[in-house]
Amino acid sequence: MESDLISKKELLELTGISYGQLYRWKRKHLIPEDWFIRKSTFTGQETFFPKERILDRIEKIKNMKGDITLDDLAQMLSPNLMELLLTREKLIEHKIISKTTIDFYTSEKGEVHEFPFEKILYLDVLDKMFESGKMNFEEGKIVLNLLEEKYPKYKGKNCELLFLRKLGVSTCCLISKPGEIYFENGIKTIESLNMSDLIEELKIKIA
């Protein structure tokens, strides 16, 4: 929708950054290429951005760039998975994942001593949906199995998890972004989670 976009001129005025900074961050992959949207206007071609996402990203860059290098920041903000292992105790102690969600996972998949980042990401998805009350444990099994079986196909690519319900029956799917998907009448989207955004948030939380 047009209201979800912000022009480059408005963005620079609102955030106080320069044209040079914006395009330097683009070259450093701090801002994804596909966020630069060229559109025809009455004055010619102009560049627009997804408003909420670009404002959030610039705020993060401004807050963090004094603490780490731009290259390290680019890695943190990228959709690529981190290489690390964290124990169950560390995840709970540092409030990365709740004990309830980890107990749910181990009841389904067996005891795990160390979790790689990919598994922590799945736990983070479940954690958010359990905490919001939008999903019960039985539905959590459906989401977990989808992530474990299908999400590896999307590594390094932007995708979205949709959790849907119709007449009390739940299902879920992963779709590539950007993309459009249409459902029959009566299907409600209970939750929509952008996996790249979750990876970014999780990396920052762990760091």
C-alpha atoms as a PDB file:
ATOM      1  CA  MET A   1       0.000   0.000   0.000  1.00  0.00           C
ATOM      2  CA  GLU A   2       1.153   3.552  -0.772  1.00  0.00           C
ATOM      3  CA  SER A   3       0.785   4.577   2.900  1.00  0.00           C
ATOM      4  CA  ASP A   4       3.301   1.884   3.856  1.00  0.00           C
ATOM      5  CA  LEU A   5       6.029   3.549   1.771  1.00  0.00           C
ATOM      6  CA  ILE A   6       8.253   6.531   2.508  1.00  0.00           C
ATOM      7  CA  SER A   7      10.099   8.540  -0.128  1.00  0.00           C
ATOM      8  CA  LYS A   8      13.870   8.923  -0.046  1.00  0.00           C
ATOM      9  CA  LYS A   9      13.527  12.689   0.539  1.00  0.00           C
ATOM     10  CA  GLU A  10      11.162  12.164   3.479  1.00  0.00           C
ATOM     11  CA  LEU A  11      13.423   9.439   4.883  1.00  0.00           C
ATOM     12  CA  LEU A  12      16.534  11.616   4.863  1.00  0.00           C
ATOM     13  CA  GLU A  13      14.654  14.518   6.476  1.00  0.00           C
ATOM     14  CA  LEU A  14      13.025  12.335   9.127  1.00  0.00           C
ATOM     15  CA  THR A  15      16.162  10.403  10.160  1.00  0.00           C
ATOM     16  CA  GLY A  16      18.752  13.147   9.724  1.00  0.00           C
ATOM     17  CA  ILE A  17      21.075  10.924   7.684  1.00  0.00           C
ATOM     18  CA  SER A  18      22.724  12.013   4.443  1.00  0.00           C
ATOM     19  CA  TYR A  19      22.326  10.683   0.918  1.00  0.00           C
ATOM     20  CA  GLY A  20      25.922   9.439   1.143  1.00  0.00           C
ATOM     21  CA  GLN A  21      25.299   7.524   4.378  1.00  0.00           C
ATOM     22  CA  LEU A  22      22.196   5.869   2.945  1.00  0.00           C
ATOM     23  CA  TYR A  23      24.003   4.563  -0.115  1.00  0.00           C
ATOM     24  CA  ARG A  24      27.118   3.613   1.824  1.00  0.00           C
ATOM     25  CA  TRP A  25      24.937   1.442   4.063  1.00  0.00           C
ATOM     26  CA  LYS A  26      23.387  -0.021   0.930  1.00  0.00           C
ATOM     27  CA  ARG A  27      26.834  -0.913  -0.475  1.00  0.00           C
ATOM     28  CA  LYS A  28      27.741  -2.485   2.882  1.00  0.00           C
ATOM     29  CA  HIS A  29      24.514  -4.575   2.693  1.00  0.00           C
ATOM     30  CA  LEU A  30      23.147  -2.983   5.843  1.00  0.00           C
ATOM     31  CA  ILE A  31      20.028  -2.076   3.867  1.00  0.00           C
ATOM     32  CA  PRO A  32      18.728  -4.730   1.441  1.00  0.00           C
ATOM     33  CA  GLU A  33      18.703  -3.904  -2.263  1.00  0.00           C
ATOM     34  CA  ASP A  34      15.038  -4.860  -2.600  1.00  0.00           C
ATOM     35  CA  TRP A  35      14.032  -2.149  -0.101  1.00  0.00           C
ATOM     36  CA  PHE A  36      14.965   0.488  -2.731  1.00  0.00           C
ATOM     37  CA  ILE A  37      11.705   0.675  -4.701  1.00  0.00           C
ATOM     38  CA  ARG A  38      11.660   2.765  -7.892  1.00  0.00           C
ATOM     39  CA  LYS A  39       8.261   4.269  -8.693  1.00  0.00           C
ATOM     40  CA  SER A  40       6.947   6.732 -11.264  1.00  0.00           C
ATOM     41  CA  THR A  41       5.638  10.026  -9.870  1.00  0.00           C
ATOM     42  CA  PHE A  42       4.496  13.288 -11.454  1.00  0.00           C
ATOM     43  CA  THR A  43       8.099  14.555 -11.117  1.00  0.00           C
ATOM     44  CA  GLY A  44       9.598  11.418 -12.710  1.00  0.00           C
ATOM     45  CA  GLN A  45      11.208   8.342 -11.123  1.00  0.00           C
ATOM     46  CA  GLU A  46      11.611   8.426  -7.340  1.00  0.00           C
ATOM     47  CA  THR A  47      12.928   5.962  -4.767  1.00  0.00           C
ATOM     48  CA  PHE A  48      10.682   4.731  -1.961  1.00  0.00           C
ATOM     49  CA  PHE A  49      11.192   2.344   0.964  1.00  0.00           C
ATOM     50  CA  PRO A  50       8.970   0.136   3.151  1.00  0.00           C
ATOM     51  CA  LYS A  51       8.423   2.751   5.857  1.00  0.00           C
ATOM     52  CA  GLU A  52       8.291   0.730   9.067  1.00  0.00           C
ATOM     53  CA  ARG A  53      11.169  -1.564   8.147  1.00  0.00           C
ATOM     54  CA  ILE A  54      13.567   1.138   6.896  1.00  0.00           C
ATOM     55  CA  LEU A  55      12.965   3.381   9.925  1.00  0.00           C
ATOM     56  CA  ASP A  56      13.534   0.459  12.293  1.00  0.00           C
ATOM     57  CA  ARG A  57      16.700  -0.582  10.418  1.00  0.00           C
ATOM     58  CA  ILE A  58      18.193   2.930  10.409  1.00  0.00           C
ATOM     59  CA  GLU A  59      17.489   3.300  14.135  1.00  0.00           C
ATOM     60  CA  LYS A  60      19.334   0.014  14.778  1.00  0.00           C
ATOM     61  CA  ILE A  61      22.295   1.061  12.610  1.00  0.00           C
ATOM     62  CA  LYS A  62      22.597   4.440  14.354  1.00  0.00           C
ATOM     63  CA  ASN A  63      22.383   2.828  17.810  1.00  0.00           C
ATOM     64  CA  MET A  64      24.880   0.038  17.106  1.00  0.00           C
ATOM     65  CA  LYS A  65      27.457   1.393  14.654  1.00  0.00           C
ATOM     66  CA  GLY A  66      29.548   2.984  17.399  1.00  0.00           C
ATOM     67  CA  ASP A  67      30.044  -0.384  19.106  1.00  0.00           C
ATOM     68  CA  ILE A  68      30.925  -2.677  16.165  1.00  0.00           C
ATOM     69  CA  THR A  69      32.305  -2.279  12.628  1.00  0.00           C
ATOM     70  CA  LEU A  70      29.944  -1.823   9.690  1.00  0.00           C
ATOM     71  CA  ASP A  71      31.048  -5.206   8.293  1.00  0.00           C
ATOM     72  CA  ASP A  72      30.192  -6.947  11.578  1.00  0.00           C
ATOM     73  CA  LEU A  73      26.927  -5.036  11.736  1.00  0.00           C
ATOM     74  CA  ALA A  74      26.083  -6.122   8.179  1.00  0.00           C
ATOM     75  CA  GLN A  75      26.613  -9.744   9.197  1.00  0.00           C
ATOM     76  CA  MET A  76      24.382  -9.287  12.222  1.00  0.00           C
ATOM     77  CA  LEU A  77      21.598  -7.727  10.134  1.00  0.00           C
ATOM     78  CA  SER A  78      21.841 -10.262   7.300  1.00  0.00           C
ATOM     79  CA  PRO A  79      19.376 -13.172   6.939  1.00  0.00           C
ATOM     80  CA  ASN A  80      22.263 -15.662   7.138  1.00  0.00           C
ATOM     81  CA  LEU A  81      22.296 -17.966  10.146  1.00  0.00           C
ATOM     82  CA  MET A  82      25.008 -17.654  12.795  1.00  0.00           C
ATOM     83  CA  GLU A  83      27.369 -20.477  13.590  1.00  0.00           C
ATOM     84  CA  LEU A  84      27.090 -21.053  17.316  1.00  0.00           C
ATOM     85  CA  LEU A  85      25.908 -23.546  19.895  1.00  0.00           C
ATOM     86  CA  LEU A  86      24.116 -22.608  23.111  1.00  0.00           C
ATOM     87  CA  THR A  87      23.119 -24.907  25.940  1.00  0.00           C
ATOM     88  CA  ARG A  88      19.590 -25.182  27.287  1.00  0.00           C
ATOM     89  CA  GLU A  89      20.793 -23.512  30.495  1.00  0.00           C
ATOM     90  CA  LYS A  90      22.279 -20.513  28.633  1.00  0.00           C
ATOM     91  CA  LEU A  91      19.098 -20.007  26.598  1.00  0.00           C
ATOM     92  CA  ILE A  92      16.979 -19.925  29.747  1.00  0.00           C
ATOM     93  CA  GLU A  93      19.462 -17.980  31.897  1.00  0.00           C
ATOM     94  CA  HIS A  94      19.835 -15.166  29.351  1.00  0.00           C
ATOM     95  CA  LYS A  95      16.087 -15.109  28.620  1.00  0.00           C
ATOM     96  CA  ILE A  96      16.613 -15.953  24.964  1.00  0.00           C
ATOM     97  CA  ILE A  97      14.070 -18.808  25.027  1.00  0.00           C
ATOM     98  CA  SER A  98      11.615 -19.673  27.812  1.00  0.00           C
ATOM     99  CA  LYS A  99      11.865 -22.904  29.775  1.00  0.00           C
ATOM    100  CA  THR A 100       8.292 -23.745  28.730  1.00  0.00           C
ATOM    101  CA  THR A 101       9.194 -23.704  25.021  1.00  0.00           C
ATOM    102  CA  ILE A 102      12.406 -25.673  25.515  1.00  0.00           C
ATOM    103  CA  ASP A 103      10.501 -28.289  27.548  1.00  0.00           C
ATOM    104  CA  PHE A 104       7.949 -28.484  24.724  1.00  0.00           C
ATOM    105  CA  TYR A 105      10.725 -28.999  22.169  1.00  0.00           C
ATOM    106  CA  THR A 106      12.478 -31.729  24.139  1.00  0.00           C
ATOM    107  CA  SER A 107       9.174 -33.530  24.770  1.00  0.00           C
ATOM    108  CA  GLU A 108       8.724 -33.696  20.981  1.00  0.00           C
ATOM    109  CA  LYS A 109      12.284 -34.202  19.753  1.00  0.00           C
ATOM    110  CA  GLY A 110      14.144 -35.651  22.719  1.00  0.00           C
ATOM    111  CA  GLU A 111      16.781 -34.188  25.019  1.00  0.00           C
ATOM    112  CA  VAL A 112      19.228 -31.761  23.378  1.00  0.00           C
ATOM    113  CA  HIS A 113      22.402 -30.615  25.131  1.00  0.00           C
ATOM    114  CA  GLU A 114      23.374 -27.820  22.726  1.00  0.00           C
ATOM    115  CA  PHE A 115      21.204 -25.928  20.257  1.00  0.00           C
ATOM    116  CA  PRO A 116      22.590 -24.558  16.966  1.00  0.00           C
ATOM    117  CA  PHE A 117      21.311 -21.162  15.815  1.00  0.00           C
ATOM    118  CA  GLU A 118      18.833 -22.709  13.385  1.00  0.00           C
ATOM    119  CA  LYS A 119      17.126 -24.649  16.191  1.00  0.00           C
ATOM    120  CA  ILE A 120      17.167 -21.552  18.407  1.00  0.00           C
ATOM    121  CA  LEU A 121      15.367 -19.702  15.606  1.00  0.00           C
ATOM    122  CA  TYR A 122      12.624 -22.358  15.552  1.00  0.00           C
ATOM    123  CA  LEU A 123      12.335 -22.123  19.336  1.00  0.00           C
ATOM    124  CA  ASP A 124      12.073 -18.335  19.062  1.00  0.00           C
ATOM    125  CA  VAL A 125       9.153 -18.664  16.621  1.00  0.00           C
ATOM    126  CA  LEU A 126       7.354 -21.063  18.979  1.00  0.00           C
ATOM    127  CA  ASP A 127       8.140 -18.870  21.984  1.00  0.00           C
ATOM    128  CA  LYS A 128       6.567 -15.810  20.395  1.00  0.00           C
ATOM    129  CA  MET A 129       3.441 -17.679  19.313  1.00  0.00           C
ATOM    130  CA  PHE A 130       2.946 -19.497  22.623  1.00  0.00           C
ATOM    131  CA  GLU A 131       3.466 -16.274  24.592  1.00  0.00           C
ATOM    132  CA  SER A 132       0.955 -14.362  22.450  1.00  0.00           C
ATOM    133  CA  GLY A 133      -1.682 -17.038  23.098  1.00  0.00           C
ATOM    134  CA  LYS A 134      -2.309 -17.402  19.364  1.00  0.00           C
ATOM    135  CA  MET A 135      -1.194 -21.033  19.272  1.00  0.00           C
ATOM    136  CA  ASN A 136      -1.514 -24.071  21.551  1.00  0.00           C
ATOM    137  CA  PHE A 137       0.960 -26.936  21.942  1.00  0.00           C
ATOM    138  CA  GLU A 138      -0.779 -29.195  19.436  1.00  0.00           C
ATOM    139  CA  GLU A 139      -0.578 -26.447  16.832  1.00  0.00           C
ATOM    140  CA  GLY A 140       3.032 -25.859  17.878  1.00  0.00           C
ATOM    141  CA  LYS A 141       3.862 -29.365  16.649  1.00  0.00           C
ATOM    142  CA  ILE A 142       2.597 -28.437  13.168  1.00  0.00           C
ATOM    143  CA  VAL A 143       4.697 -25.258  13.048  1.00  0.00           C
ATOM    144  CA  LEU A 144       7.814 -26.983  14.394  1.00  0.00           C
ATOM    145  CA  ASN A 145       7.603 -29.816  11.861  1.00  0.00           C
ATOM    146  CA  LEU A 146       7.138 -27.348   8.993  1.00  0.00           C
ATOM    147  CA  LEU A 147      10.175 -25.320  10.059  1.00  0.00           C
ATOM    148  CA  GLU A 148      12.416 -28.351  10.503  1.00  0.00           C
ATOM    149  CA  GLU A 149      11.384 -29.937   7.196  1.00  0.00           C
ATOM    150  CA  LYS A 150      11.046 -26.904   4.903  1.00  0.00           C
ATOM    151  CA  TYR A 151      12.843 -23.837   6.286  1.00  0.00           C
ATOM    152  CA  PRO A 152      16.355 -25.098   5.347  1.00  0.00           C
ATOM    153  CA  LYS A 153      15.338 -24.605   1.682  1.00  0.00           C
ATOM    154  CA  TYR A 154      15.112 -20.850   2.349  1.00  0.00           C
ATOM    155  CA  LYS A 155      18.537 -20.335   3.963  1.00  0.00           C
ATOM    156  CA  GLY A 156      19.810 -16.851   3.153  1.00  0.00           C
ATOM    157  CA  LYS A 157      16.509 -15.907   1.495  1.00  0.00           C
ATOM    158  CA  ASN A 158      13.663 -13.829   2.820  1.00  0.00           C
ATOM    159  CA  CYS A 159      10.492 -15.736   3.630  1.00  0.00           C
ATOM    160  CA  GLU A 160       7.460 -15.434   5.847  1.00  0.00           C
ATOM    161  CA  LEU A 161       5.730 -17.923   8.113  1.00  0.00           C
ATOM    162  CA  LEU A 162       1.929 -17.767   7.980  1.00  0.00           C
ATOM    163  CA  PHE A 163      -0.177 -19.442  10.644  1.00  0.00           C
ATOM    164  CA  LEU A 164      -3.782 -19.872   9.463  1.00  0.00           C
ATOM    165  CA  ARG A 165      -7.072 -21.106  10.846  1.00  0.00           C
ATOM    166  CA  LYS A 166     -10.471 -21.933   9.356  1.00  0.00           C
ATOM    167  CA  LEU A 167     -13.419 -23.271  11.345  1.00  0.00           C
ATOM    168  CA  GLY A 168     -11.100 -24.182  14.204  1.00  0.00           C
ATOM    169  CA  VAL A 169      -8.685 -26.126  11.981  1.00  0.00           C
ATOM    170  CA  SER A 170      -5.119 -24.765  11.898  1.00  0.00           C
ATOM    171  CA  THR A 171      -2.383 -24.960   9.302  1.00  0.00           C
ATOM    172  CA  CYS A 172       0.772 -23.060   8.388  1.00  0.00           C
ATOM    173  CA  CYS A 173       2.996 -22.344   5.400  1.00  0.00           C
ATOM    174  CA  LEU A 174       6.224 -20.655   4.374  1.00  0.00           C
ATOM    175  CA  ILE A 175       6.150 -18.227   1.436  1.00  0.00           C
ATOM    176  CA  SER A 176       8.935 -16.388  -0.380  1.00  0.00           C
ATOM    177  CA  LYS A 177       9.106 -12.635   0.064  1.00  0.00           C
ATOM    178  CA  PRO A 178       8.330 -10.479  -1.778  1.00  0.00           C
ATOM    179  CA  GLY A 179       5.310 -12.425  -2.965  1.00  0.00           C
ATOM    180  CA  GLU A 180       1.531 -12.496  -2.976  1.00  0.00           C
ATOM    181  CA  ILE A 181      -0.741 -15.256  -1.773  1.00  0.00           C
ATOM    182  CA  TYR A 182      -4.534 -15.464  -1.782  1.00  0.00           C
ATOM    183  CA  PHE A 183      -6.778 -17.743   0.265  1.00  0.00           C
ATOM    184  CA  GLU A 184     -10.380 -18.843   0.025  1.00  0.00           C
ATOM    185  CA  ASN A 185     -12.981 -17.029   2.108  1.00  0.00           C
ATOM    186  CA  GLY A 186     -13.107 -17.953   5.767  1.00  0.00           C
ATOM    187  CA  ILE A 187      -9.379 -18.511   6.254  1.00  0.00           C
ATOM    188  CA  LYS A 188      -7.939 -16.188   8.899  1.00  0.00           C
ATOM    189  CA  THR A 189      -4.261 -15.301   9.163  1.00  0.00           C
ATOM    190  CA  ILE A 190      -3.621 -15.697  12.892  1.00  0.00           C
ATOM    191  CA  GLU A 191       0.070 -14.798  12.724  1.00  0.00           C
ATOM    192  CA  SER A 192       2.527 -13.623  10.077  1.00  0.00           C
ATOM    193  CA  LEU A 193       6.229 -13.688  10.956  1.00  0.00           C
ATOM    194  CA  ASN A 194       9.040 -12.472   8.703  1.00  0.00           C
ATOM    195  CA  MET A 195      11.893 -14.938   9.219  1.00  0.00           C
ATOM    196  CA  SER A 196      14.628 -12.442   8.250  1.00  0.00           C
ATOM    197  CA  ASP A 197      13.357 -10.013  10.891  1.00  0.00           C
ATOM    198  CA  LEU A 198      13.347 -12.792  13.483  1.00  0.00           C
ATOM    199  CA  ILE A 199      16.922 -13.779  12.594  1.00  0.00           C
ATOM    200  CA  GLU A 200      18.016 -10.145  12.966  1.00  0.00           C
ATOM    201  CA  GLU A 201      16.272  -9.761  16.349  1.00  0.00           C
ATOM    202  CA  LEU A 202      17.658 -13.066  17.591  1.00  0.00           C
ATOM    203  CA  LYS A 203      21.237 -12.214  16.594  1.00  0.00           C
ATOM    204  CA  ILE A 204      20.985  -8.908  18.452  1.00  0.00           C
ATOM    205  CA  LYS A 205      19.469 -10.600  21.507  1.00  0.00           C
ATOM    206  CA  ILE A 206      22.246 -13.212  21.588  1.00  0.00           C
ATOM    207  CA  ALA A 207      24.987 -10.621  21.009  1.00  0.00           C
END
